[in-house]
Amino acid sequence: MPGQAITAYRDALTDWSAKFPRDEGLYRGRLAHAYVAAEKPEESAEAGRAALRIAQQTGSGRIITELRPLYTALDVRTRKSCEGTPMAGVAGSPRRVGVLVRG
């Protein structure tokens, strides 16, 4: 089932309209969760970072809410590879993540 979700989200994102960045961020966040379910942590982190960039640009709390559980779902090795990147901020408290999004 995760493979079907990955395919569906990737297909949807291929022709995504720039008019809906918040929805794109949500889809990228959900794609990240699908990658975790498929045991593909590196791809998950990449999709999560893309979603977080959109959250930062738009100030979307919904995207942050989607991403919060993602960080803890990633294995320690992948978390270490995220240190120093925007994805590392997802591990913080809601206040820390809020600061990250607001700049």
PDB file of N, CA and C in Angstrom:
ATOM      1  N   MET A   1       0.801  -1.202   0.000  1.00  0.00           N
ATOM      2  CA  MET A   1       0.000   0.000   0.000  1.00  0.00           C
ATOM      3  C   MET A   1       0.851   1.277   0.000  1.00  0.00           C
ATOM      4  N   PRO A   2       1.983   1.354   0.757  1.00  0.00           N
ATOM      5  CA  PRO A   2       2.783   2.578   0.688  1.00  0.00           C
ATOM      6  C   PRO A   2       3.264   2.880  -0.729  1.00  0.00           C
ATOM      7  N   GLY A   3       3.554   1.836  -1.480  1.00  0.00           N
ATOM      8  CA  GLY A   3       4.006   2.045  -2.859  1.00  0.00           C
ATOM      9  C   GLY A   3       2.952   2.731  -3.708  1.00  0.00           C
ATOM     10  N   GLN A   4       1.691   2.370  -3.493  1.00  0.00           N
ATOM     11  CA  GLN A   4       0.602   3.020  -4.230  1.00  0.00           C
ATOM     12  C   GLN A   4       0.481   4.478  -3.822  1.00  0.00           C
ATOM     13  N   ALA A   5       0.619   4.757  -2.541  1.00  0.00           N
ATOM     14  CA  ALA A   5       0.538   6.141  -2.059  1.00  0.00           C
ATOM     15  C   ALA A   5       1.694   6.970  -2.631  1.00  0.00           C
ATOM     16  N   ILE A   6       2.887   6.409  -2.638  1.00  0.00           N
ATOM     17  CA  ILE A   6       4.045   7.118  -3.193  1.00  0.00           C
ATOM     18  C   ILE A   6       3.789   7.470  -4.646  1.00  0.00           C
ATOM     19  N   THR A   7       3.339   6.498  -5.410  1.00  0.00           N
ATOM     20  CA  THR A   7       3.053   6.735  -6.826  1.00  0.00           C
ATOM     21  C   THR A   7       1.989   7.809  -7.005  1.00  0.00           C
ATOM     22  N   ALA A   8       0.924   7.722  -6.224  1.00  0.00           N
ATOM     23  CA  ALA A   8      -0.169   8.690  -6.347  1.00  0.00           C
ATOM     24  C   ALA A   8       0.304  10.105  -6.004  1.00  0.00           C
ATOM     25  N   TYR A   9       1.038  10.261  -4.903  1.00  0.00           N
ATOM     26  CA  TYR A   9       1.508  11.599  -4.518  1.00  0.00           C
ATOM     27  C   TYR A   9       2.533  12.130  -5.516  1.00  0.00           C
ATOM     28  N   ARG A  10       3.450  11.291  -5.949  1.00  0.00           N
ATOM     29  CA  ARG A  10       4.449  11.750  -6.930  1.00  0.00           C
ATOM     30  C   ARG A  10       3.787  12.152  -8.237  1.00  0.00           C
ATOM     31  N   ASP A  11       2.820  11.367  -8.683  1.00  0.00           N
ATOM     32  CA  ASP A  11       2.100  11.717  -9.920  1.00  0.00           C
ATOM     33  C   ASP A  11       1.364  13.038  -9.772  1.00  0.00           C
ATOM     34  N   ALA A  12       0.701  13.218  -8.630  1.00  0.00           N
ATOM     35  CA  ALA A  12      -0.044  14.464  -8.400  1.00  0.00           C
ATOM     36  C   ALA A  12       0.898  15.669  -8.365  1.00  0.00           C
ATOM     37  N   LEU A  13       2.071  15.493  -7.785  1.00  0.00           N
ATOM     38  CA  LEU A  13       3.009  16.604  -7.649  1.00  0.00           C
ATOM     39  C   LEU A  13       3.735  16.941  -8.946  1.00  0.00           C
ATOM     40  N   THR A  14       3.735  16.028  -9.891  1.00  0.00           N
ATOM     41  CA  THR A  14       4.433  16.254 -11.159  1.00  0.00           C
ATOM     42  C   THR A  14       3.902  17.476 -11.891  1.00  0.00           C
ATOM     43  N   ASP A  15       2.607  17.634 -11.926  1.00  0.00           N
ATOM     44  CA  ASP A  15       2.000  18.749 -12.650  1.00  0.00           C
ATOM     45  C   ASP A  15       1.327  19.742 -11.702  1.00  0.00           C
ATOM     46  N   TRP A  16       1.890  19.917 -10.513  1.00  0.00           N
ATOM     47  CA  TRP A  16       1.256  20.754  -9.502  1.00  0.00           C
ATOM     48  C   TRP A  16       1.265  22.221  -9.918  1.00  0.00           C
ATOM     49  N   SER A  17       0.151  22.898  -9.699  1.00  0.00           N
ATOM     50  CA  SER A  17       0.032  24.316 -10.004  1.00  0.00           C
ATOM     51  C   SER A  17       0.660  25.136  -8.885  1.00  0.00           C
ATOM     52  N   ALA A  18       1.442  26.129  -9.262  1.00  0.00           N
ATOM     53  CA  ALA A  18       2.077  27.011  -8.285  1.00  0.00           C
ATOM     54  C   ALA A  18       1.048  27.866  -7.545  1.00  0.00           C
ATOM     55  N   LYS A  19      -0.191  27.827  -7.979  1.00  0.00           N
ATOM     56  CA  LYS A  19      -1.251  28.615  -7.333  1.00  0.00           C
ATOM     57  C   LYS A  19      -1.629  28.064  -5.963  1.00  0.00           C
ATOM     58  N   PHE A  20      -1.251  26.839  -5.672  1.00  0.00           N
ATOM     59  CA  PHE A  20      -1.669  26.170  -4.431  1.00  0.00           C
ATOM     60  C   PHE A  20      -0.477  25.664  -3.628  1.00  0.00           C
ATOM     61  N   PRO A  21       0.398  26.552  -3.171  1.00  0.00           N
ATOM     62  CA  PRO A  21       1.608  26.083  -2.481  1.00  0.00           C
ATOM     63  C   PRO A  21       1.335  25.366  -1.168  1.00  0.00           C
ATOM     64  N   ARG A  22       0.336  25.802  -0.418  1.00  0.00           N
ATOM     65  CA  ARG A  22       0.055  25.128   0.863  1.00  0.00           C
ATOM     66  C   ARG A  22      -0.373  23.682   0.643  1.00  0.00           C
ATOM     67  N   ASP A  23      -1.228  23.473  -0.348  1.00  0.00           N
ATOM     68  CA  ASP A  23      -1.641  22.105  -0.655  1.00  0.00           C
ATOM     69  C   ASP A  23      -0.454  21.274  -1.143  1.00  0.00           C
ATOM     70  N   GLU A  24       0.426  21.899  -1.911  1.00  0.00           N
ATOM     71  CA  GLU A  24       1.625  21.184  -2.357  1.00  0.00           C
ATOM     72  C   GLU A  24       2.458  20.755  -1.151  1.00  0.00           C
ATOM     73  N   GLY A  25       2.600  21.647  -0.177  1.00  0.00           N
ATOM     74  CA  GLY A  25       3.347  21.305   1.026  1.00  0.00           C
ATOM     75  C   GLY A  25       2.723  20.144   1.776  1.00  0.00           C
ATOM     76  N   LEU A  26       1.392  20.142   1.873  1.00  0.00           N
ATOM     77  CA  LEU A  26       0.704  19.022   2.526  1.00  0.00           C
ATOM     78  C   LEU A  26       0.943  17.720   1.778  1.00  0.00           C
ATOM     79  N   TYR A  27       0.840  17.765   0.453  1.00  0.00           N
ATOM     80  CA  TYR A  27       1.078  16.548  -0.334  1.00  0.00           C
ATOM     81  C   TYR A  27       2.512  16.067  -0.171  1.00  0.00           C
ATOM     82  N   ARG A  28       3.468  16.992  -0.158  1.00  0.00           N
ATOM     83  CA  ARG A  28       4.877  16.589   0.029  1.00  0.00           C
ATOM     84  C   ARG A  28       5.083  15.988   1.423  1.00  0.00           C
ATOM     85  N   GLY A  29       4.397  16.530   2.420  1.00  0.00           N
ATOM     86  CA  GLY A  29       4.455  15.960   3.761  1.00  0.00           C
ATOM     87  C   GLY A  29       3.872  14.559   3.799  1.00  0.00           C
ATOM     88  N   ARG A  30       2.769  14.370   3.128  1.00  0.00           N
ATOM     89  CA  ARG A  30       2.142  13.044   3.080  1.00  0.00           C
ATOM     90  C   ARG A  30       2.988  12.062   2.290  1.00  0.00           C
ATOM     91  N   LEU A  31       3.649  12.564   1.247  1.00  0.00           N
ATOM     92  CA  LEU A  31       4.582  11.725   0.498  1.00  0.00           C
ATOM     93  C   LEU A  31       5.716  11.276   1.419  1.00  0.00           C
ATOM     94  N   ALA A  32       6.185  12.173   2.258  1.00  0.00           N
ATOM     95  CA  ALA A  32       7.247  11.824   3.209  1.00  0.00           C
ATOM     96  C   ALA A  32       6.792  10.709   4.143  1.00  0.00           C
ATOM     97  N   HIS A  33       5.557  10.780   4.618  1.00  0.00           N
ATOM     98  CA  HIS A  33       5.023   9.719   5.486  1.00  0.00           C
ATOM     99  C   HIS A  33       4.917   8.395   4.725  1.00  0.00           C
ATOM    100  N   ALA A  34       4.530   8.456   3.463  1.00  0.00           N
ATOM    101  CA  ALA A  34       4.437   7.228   2.658  1.00  0.00           C
ATOM    102  C   ALA A  34       5.819   6.596   2.490  1.00  0.00           C
ATOM    103  N   TYR A  35       6.840   7.437   2.303  1.00  0.00           N
ATOM    104  CA  TYR A  35       8.206   6.911   2.197  1.00  0.00           C
ATOM    105  C   TYR A  35       8.635   6.230   3.496  1.00  0.00           C
ATOM    106  N   VAL A  36       8.270   6.800   4.638  1.00  0.00           N
ATOM    107  CA  VAL A  36       8.597   6.159   5.921  1.00  0.00           C
ATOM    108  C   VAL A  36       7.933   4.783   5.990  1.00  0.00           C
ATOM    109  N   ALA A  37       6.661   4.717   5.607  1.00  0.00           N
ATOM    110  CA  ALA A  37       5.934   3.445   5.643  1.00  0.00           C
ATOM    111  C   ALA A  37       6.557   2.420   4.705  1.00  0.00           C
ATOM    112  N   ALA A  38       7.188   2.901   3.627  1.00  0.00           N
ATOM    113  CA  ALA A  38       7.848   2.010   2.666  1.00  0.00           C
ATOM    114  C   ALA A  38       9.305   1.748   3.046  1.00  0.00           C
ATOM    115  N   GLU A  39       9.709   2.222   4.245  1.00  0.00           N
ATOM    116  CA  GLU A  39      11.070   2.043   4.742  1.00  0.00           C
ATOM    117  C   GLU A  39      12.106   2.674   3.817  1.00  0.00           C
ATOM    118  N   LYS A  40      11.817   3.913   3.395  1.00  0.00           N
ATOM    119  CA  LYS A  40      12.729   4.691   2.558  1.00  0.00           C
ATOM    120  C   LYS A  40      12.996   6.022   3.270  1.00  0.00           C
ATOM    121  N   PRO A  41      13.804   5.982   4.341  1.00  0.00           N
ATOM    122  CA  PRO A  41      13.992   7.178   5.160  1.00  0.00           C
ATOM    123  C   PRO A  41      14.676   8.341   4.454  1.00  0.00           C
ATOM    124  N   GLU A  42      15.608   8.074   3.564  1.00  0.00           N
ATOM    125  CA  GLU A  42      16.285   9.173   2.876  1.00  0.00           C
ATOM    126  C   GLU A  42      15.307   9.940   1.993  1.00  0.00           C
ATOM    127  N   GLU A  43      14.465   9.210   1.262  1.00  0.00           N
ATOM    128  CA  GLU A  43      13.458   9.845   0.416  1.00  0.00           C
ATOM    129  C   GLU A  43      12.444  10.598   1.268  1.00  0.00           C
ATOM    130  N   SER A  44      12.142  10.022   2.436  1.00  0.00           N
ATOM    131  CA  SER A  44      11.220  10.664   3.357  1.00  0.00           C
ATOM    132  C   SER A  44      11.779  12.006   3.829  1.00  0.00           C
ATOM    133  N   ALA A  45      13.038  12.011   4.213  1.00  0.00           N
ATOM    134  CA  ALA A  45      13.666  13.248   4.681  1.00  0.00           C
ATOM    135  C   ALA A  45      13.690  14.291   3.571  1.00  0.00           C
ATOM    136  N   GLU A  46      13.969  13.870   2.352  1.00  0.00           N
ATOM    137  CA  GLU A  46      13.997  14.802   1.223  1.00  0.00           C
ATOM    138  C   GLU A  46      12.618  15.419   0.992  1.00  0.00           C
ATOM    139  N   ALA A  47      11.578  14.593   0.979  1.00  0.00           N
ATOM    140  CA  ALA A  47      10.219  15.100   0.786  1.00  0.00           C
ATOM    141  C   ALA A  47       9.805  15.990   1.961  1.00  0.00           C
ATOM    142  N   GLY A  48      10.210  15.610   3.165  1.00  0.00           N
ATOM    143  CA  GLY A  48       9.903  16.413   4.346  1.00  0.00           C
ATOM    144  C   GLY A  48      10.573  17.774   4.305  1.00  0.00           C
ATOM    145  N   ARG A  49      11.825  17.816   3.862  1.00  0.00           N
ATOM    146  CA  ARG A  49      12.521  19.105   3.742  1.00  0.00           C
ATOM    147  C   ARG A  49      11.831  19.995   2.711  1.00  0.00           C
ATOM    148  N   ALA A  50      11.390  19.412   1.604  1.00  0.00           N
ATOM    149  CA  ALA A  50      10.679  20.204   0.587  1.00  0.00           C
ATOM    150  C   ALA A  50       9.383  20.770   1.159  1.00  0.00           C
ATOM    151  N   ALA A  51       8.663  19.962   1.925  1.00  0.00           N
ATOM    152  CA  ALA A  51       7.425  20.427   2.550  1.00  0.00           C
ATOM    153  C   ALA A  51       7.717  21.522   3.563  1.00  0.00           C
ATOM    154  N   LEU A  52       8.789  21.373   4.322  1.00  0.00           N
ATOM    155  CA  LEU A  52       9.136  22.372   5.327  1.00  0.00           C
ATOM    156  C   LEU A  52       9.520  23.699   4.677  1.00  0.00           C
ATOM    157  N   ARG A  53      10.227  23.657   3.547  1.00  0.00           N
ATOM    158  CA  ARG A  53      10.556  24.895   2.833  1.00  0.00           C
ATOM    159  C   ARG A  53       9.275  25.640   2.444  1.00  0.00           C
ATOM    160  N   ILE A  54       8.282  24.884   1.973  1.00  0.00           N
ATOM    161  CA  ILE A  54       7.007  25.507   1.604  1.00  0.00           C
ATOM    162  C   ILE A  54       6.322  26.074   2.843  1.00  0.00           C
ATOM    163  N   ALA A  55       6.381  25.350   3.948  1.00  0.00           N
ATOM    164  CA  ALA A  55       5.792  25.852   5.197  1.00  0.00           C
ATOM    165  C   ALA A  55       6.458  27.151   5.615  1.00  0.00           C
ATOM    166  N   GLN A  56       7.758  27.230   5.469  1.00  0.00           N
ATOM    167  CA  GLN A  56       8.484  28.449   5.817  1.00  0.00           C
ATOM    168  C   GLN A  56       8.059  29.609   4.914  1.00  0.00           C
ATOM    169  N   GLN A  57       7.906  29.328   3.627  1.00  0.00           N
ATOM    170  CA  GLN A  57       7.536  30.377   2.669  1.00  0.00           C
ATOM    171  C   GLN A  57       6.112  30.870   2.865  1.00  0.00           C
ATOM    172  N   THR A  58       5.217  29.969   3.251  1.00  0.00           N
ATOM    173  CA  THR A  58       3.798  30.322   3.337  1.00  0.00           C
ATOM    174  C   THR A  58       3.321  30.589   4.758  1.00  0.00           C
ATOM    175  N   GLY A  59       4.103  30.190   5.752  1.00  0.00           N
ATOM    176  CA  GLY A  59       3.677  30.315   7.140  1.00  0.00           C
ATOM    177  C   GLY A  59       2.574  29.331   7.499  1.00  0.00           C
ATOM    178  N   SER A  60       2.498  28.209   6.804  1.00  0.00           N
ATOM    179  CA  SER A  60       1.428  27.233   6.997  1.00  0.00           C
ATOM    180  C   SER A  60       1.641  26.349   8.217  1.00  0.00           C
ATOM    181  N   GLY A  61       0.784  26.510   9.201  1.00  0.00           N
ATOM    182  CA  GLY A  61       0.802  25.638  10.368  1.00  0.00           C
ATOM    183  C   GLY A  61       0.305  24.243  10.059  1.00  0.00           C
ATOM    184  N   ARG A  62      -0.571  24.111   9.059  1.00  0.00           N
ATOM    185  CA  ARG A  62      -1.080  22.778   8.682  1.00  0.00           C
ATOM    186  C   ARG A  62       0.050  21.888   8.186  1.00  0.00           C
ATOM    187  N   ILE A  63       0.962  22.458   7.423  1.00  0.00           N
ATOM    188  CA  ILE A  63       2.091  21.663   6.925  1.00  0.00           C
ATOM    189  C   ILE A  63       2.960  21.231   8.100  1.00  0.00           C
ATOM    190  N   ILE A  64       3.226  22.144   9.034  1.00  0.00           N
ATOM    191  CA  ILE A  64       4.030  21.801  10.211  1.00  0.00           C
ATOM    192  C   ILE A  64       3.360  20.686  11.002  1.00  0.00           C
ATOM    193  N   THR A  65       2.049  20.778  11.165  1.00  0.00           N
ATOM    194  CA  THR A  65       1.310  19.732  11.875  1.00  0.00           C
ATOM    195  C   THR A  65       1.472  18.389  11.166  1.00  0.00           C
ATOM    196  N   GLU A  66       1.454  18.402   9.854  1.00  0.00           N
ATOM    197  CA  GLU A  66       1.648  17.178   9.067  1.00  0.00           C
ATOM    198  C   GLU A  66       3.054  16.623   9.278  1.00  0.00           C
ATOM    199  N   LEU A  67       4.034  17.500   9.402  1.00  0.00           N
ATOM    200  CA  LEU A  67       5.433  17.070   9.486  1.00  0.00           C
ATOM    201  C   LEU A  67       5.887  16.677  10.883  1.00  0.00           C
ATOM    202  N   ARG A  68       5.259  17.198  11.910  1.00  0.00           N
ATOM    203  CA  ARG A  68       5.741  16.962  13.283  1.00  0.00           C
ATOM    204  C   ARG A  68       6.018  15.493  13.587  1.00  0.00           C
ATOM    205  N   PRO A  69       5.090  14.574  13.314  1.00  0.00           N
ATOM    206  CA  PRO A  69       5.377  13.171  13.646  1.00  0.00           C
ATOM    207  C   PRO A  69       6.419  12.527  12.727  1.00  0.00           C
ATOM    208  N   LEU A  70       6.720  13.176  11.620  1.00  0.00           N
ATOM    209  CA  LEU A  70       7.657  12.589  10.664  1.00  0.00           C
ATOM    210  C   LEU A  70       9.050  12.432  11.253  1.00  0.00           C
ATOM    211  N   TYR A  71       9.517  13.447  11.923  1.00  0.00           N
ATOM    212  CA  TYR A  71      10.878  13.404  12.444  1.00  0.00           C
ATOM    213  C   TYR A  71      11.088  12.217  13.375  1.00  0.00           C
ATOM    214  N   THR A  72      10.140  11.980  14.248  1.00  0.00           N
ATOM    215  CA  THR A  72      10.310  10.867  15.174  1.00  0.00           C
ATOM    216  C   THR A  72      10.171   9.526  14.474  1.00  0.00           C
ATOM    217  N   ALA A  73       9.550   9.509  13.301  1.00  0.00           N
ATOM    218  CA  ALA A  73       9.398   8.261  12.551  1.00  0.00           C
ATOM    219  C   ALA A  73      10.677   7.872  11.814  1.00  0.00           C
ATOM    220  N   LEU A  74      11.545   8.842  11.604  1.00  0.00           N
ATOM    221  CA  LEU A  74      12.786   8.552  10.883  1.00  0.00           C
ATOM    222  C   LEU A  74      13.792   7.897  11.824  1.00  0.00           C
ATOM    223  N   ASP A  75      14.610   7.038  11.287  1.00  0.00           N
ATOM    224  CA  ASP A  75      15.584   6.351  12.138  1.00  0.00           C
ATOM    225  C   ASP A  75      16.728   7.285  12.533  1.00  0.00           C
ATOM    226  N   VAL A  76      17.511   6.885  13.505  1.00  0.00           N
ATOM    227  CA  VAL A  76      18.572   7.733  14.057  1.00  0.00           C
ATOM    228  C   VAL A  76      19.566   8.130  12.975  1.00  0.00           C
ATOM    229  N   ARG A  77      19.909   7.226  12.111  1.00  0.00           N
ATOM    230  CA  ARG A  77      20.884   7.525  11.055  1.00  0.00           C
ATOM    231  C   ARG A  77      20.386   8.656  10.172  1.00  0.00           C
ATOM    232  N   THR A  78      19.121   8.598   9.794  1.00  0.00           N
ATOM    233  CA  THR A  78      18.560   9.631   8.940  1.00  0.00           C
ATOM    234  C   THR A  78      18.438  10.941   9.701  1.00  0.00           C
ATOM    235  N   ARG A  79      18.056  10.882  10.960  1.00  0.00           N
ATOM    236  CA  ARG A  79      17.974  12.109  11.761  1.00  0.00           C
ATOM    237  C   ARG A  79      19.315  12.807  11.790  1.00  0.00           C
ATOM    238  N   LYS A  80      20.393  12.040  11.972  1.00  0.00           N
ATOM    239  CA  LYS A  80      21.721  12.647  12.002  1.00  0.00           C
ATOM    240  C   LYS A  80      22.043  13.284  10.656  1.00  0.00           C
ATOM    241  N   SER A  81      21.603  12.681   9.569  1.00  0.00           N
ATOM    242  CA  SER A  81      21.877  13.266   8.255  1.00  0.00           C
ATOM    243  C   SER A  81      21.066  14.537   8.035  1.00  0.00           C
ATOM    244  N   CYS A  82      20.029  14.748   8.853  1.00  0.00           N
ATOM    245  CA  CYS A  82      19.200  15.954   8.743  1.00  0.00           C
ATOM    246  C   CYS A  82      19.705  17.085   9.623  1.00  0.00           C
ATOM    247  N   GLU A  83      20.646  16.794  10.526  1.00  0.00           N
ATOM    248  CA  GLU A  83      21.131  17.840  11.421  1.00  0.00           C
ATOM    249  C   GLU A  83      21.729  18.972  10.602  1.00  0.00           C
ATOM    250  N   GLY A  84      21.404  20.186  11.009  1.00  0.00           N
ATOM    251  CA  GLY A  84      21.889  21.359  10.292  1.00  0.00           C
ATOM    252  C   GLY A  84      21.040  21.730   9.099  1.00  0.00           C
ATOM    253  N   THR A  85      19.973  20.993   8.858  1.00  0.00           N
ATOM    254  CA  THR A  85      19.061  21.288   7.752  1.00  0.00           C
ATOM    255  C   THR A  85      17.731  21.746   8.330  1.00  0.00           C
ATOM    256  N   PRO A  86      16.866  22.318   7.506  1.00  0.00           N
ATOM    257  CA  PRO A  86      15.551  22.714   8.013  1.00  0.00           C
ATOM    258  C   PRO A  86      14.766  21.565   8.623  1.00  0.00           C
ATOM    259  N   MET A  87      14.978  20.341   8.171  1.00  0.00           N
ATOM    260  CA  MET A  87      14.235  19.202   8.706  1.00  0.00           C
ATOM    261  C   MET A  87      14.534  18.990  10.179  1.00  0.00           C
ATOM    262  N   ALA A  88      15.718  19.355  10.611  1.00  0.00           N
ATOM    263  CA  ALA A  88      16.077  19.179  12.012  1.00  0.00           C
ATOM    264  C   ALA A  88      15.143  19.968  12.916  1.00  0.00           C
ATOM    265  N   GLY A  89      14.598  21.082  12.447  1.00  0.00           N
ATOM    266  CA  GLY A  89      13.692  21.896  13.236  1.00  0.00           C
ATOM    267  C   GLY A  89      12.369  21.231  13.533  1.00  0.00           C
ATOM    268  N   VAL A  90      12.006  20.236  12.774  1.00  0.00           N
ATOM    269  CA  VAL A  90      10.740  19.553  12.995  1.00  0.00           C
ATOM    270  C   VAL A  90      10.752  18.804  14.317  1.00  0.00           C
ATOM    271  N   ALA A  91      11.928  18.475  14.815  1.00  0.00           N
ATOM    272  CA  ALA A  91      12.019  17.718  16.061  1.00  0.00           C
ATOM    273  C   ALA A  91      11.753  18.570  17.281  1.00  0.00           C
ATOM    274  N   GLY A  92      11.769  19.880  17.126  1.00  0.00           N
ATOM    275  CA  GLY A  92      11.617  20.755  18.272  1.00  0.00           C
ATOM    276  C   GLY A  92      10.196  20.818  18.790  1.00  0.00           C
ATOM    277  N   SER A  93      10.051  21.588  19.821  1.00  0.00           N
ATOM    278  CA  SER A  93       8.732  21.797  20.404  1.00  0.00           C
ATOM    279  C   SER A  93       7.881  22.565  19.405  1.00  0.00           C
ATOM    280  N   PRO A  94       6.560  22.588  19.584  1.00  0.00           N
ATOM    281  CA  PRO A  94       5.716  23.391  18.690  1.00  0.00           C
ATOM    282  C   PRO A  94       6.174  24.840  18.637  1.00  0.00           C
ATOM    283  N   ARG A  95       6.633  25.376  19.753  1.00  0.00           N
ATOM    284  CA  ARG A  95       7.098  26.773  19.750  1.00  0.00           C
ATOM    285  C   ARG A  95       8.333  26.906  18.870  1.00  0.00           C
ATOM    286  N   ARG A  96       9.273  25.979  18.985  1.00  0.00           N
ATOM    287  CA  ARG A  96      10.493  26.044  18.172  1.00  0.00           C
ATOM    288  C   ARG A  96      10.158  25.927  16.701  1.00  0.00           C
ATOM    289  N   VAL A  97       9.280  25.024  16.347  1.00  0.00           N
ATOM    290  CA  VAL A  97       8.881  24.866  14.952  1.00  0.00           C
ATOM    291  C   VAL A  97       8.188  26.120  14.466  1.00  0.00           C
ATOM    292  N   GLY A  98       7.353  26.735  15.309  1.00  0.00           N
ATOM    293  CA  GLY A  98       6.695  27.976  14.940  1.00  0.00           C
ATOM    294  C   GLY A  98       7.685  29.074  14.643  1.00  0.00           C
ATOM    295  N   VAL A  99       8.753  29.156  15.430  1.00  0.00           N
ATOM    296  CA  VAL A  99       9.801  30.152  15.191  1.00  0.00           C
ATOM    297  C   VAL A  99      10.493  29.853  13.868  1.00  0.00           C
ATOM    298  N   LEU A 100      10.728  28.592  13.602  1.00  0.00           N
ATOM    299  CA  LEU A 100      11.361  28.195  12.354  1.00  0.00           C
ATOM    300  C   LEU A 100      10.523  28.641  11.162  1.00  0.00           C
ATOM    301  N   VAL A 101       9.228  28.466  11.238  1.00  0.00           N
ATOM    302  CA  VAL A 101       8.344  28.826  10.129  1.00  0.00           C
ATOM    303  C   VAL A 101       8.263  30.343   9.971  1.00  0.00           C
ATOM    304  N   ARG A 102       8.169  31.055  11.077  1.00  0.00           N
ATOM    305  CA  ARG A 102       8.042  32.509  10.987  1.00  0.00           C
ATOM    306  C   ARG A 102       9.342  33.193  10.631  1.00  0.00           C
ATOM    307  N   GLY A 103      10.451  32.489  10.744  1.00  0.00           N
ATOM    308  CA  GLY A 103      11.738  33.063  10.380  1.00  0.00           C
ATOM    309  C   GLY A 103      12.394  33.583  11.549  1.00  0.00           C
TER     310      GLY A 103
END
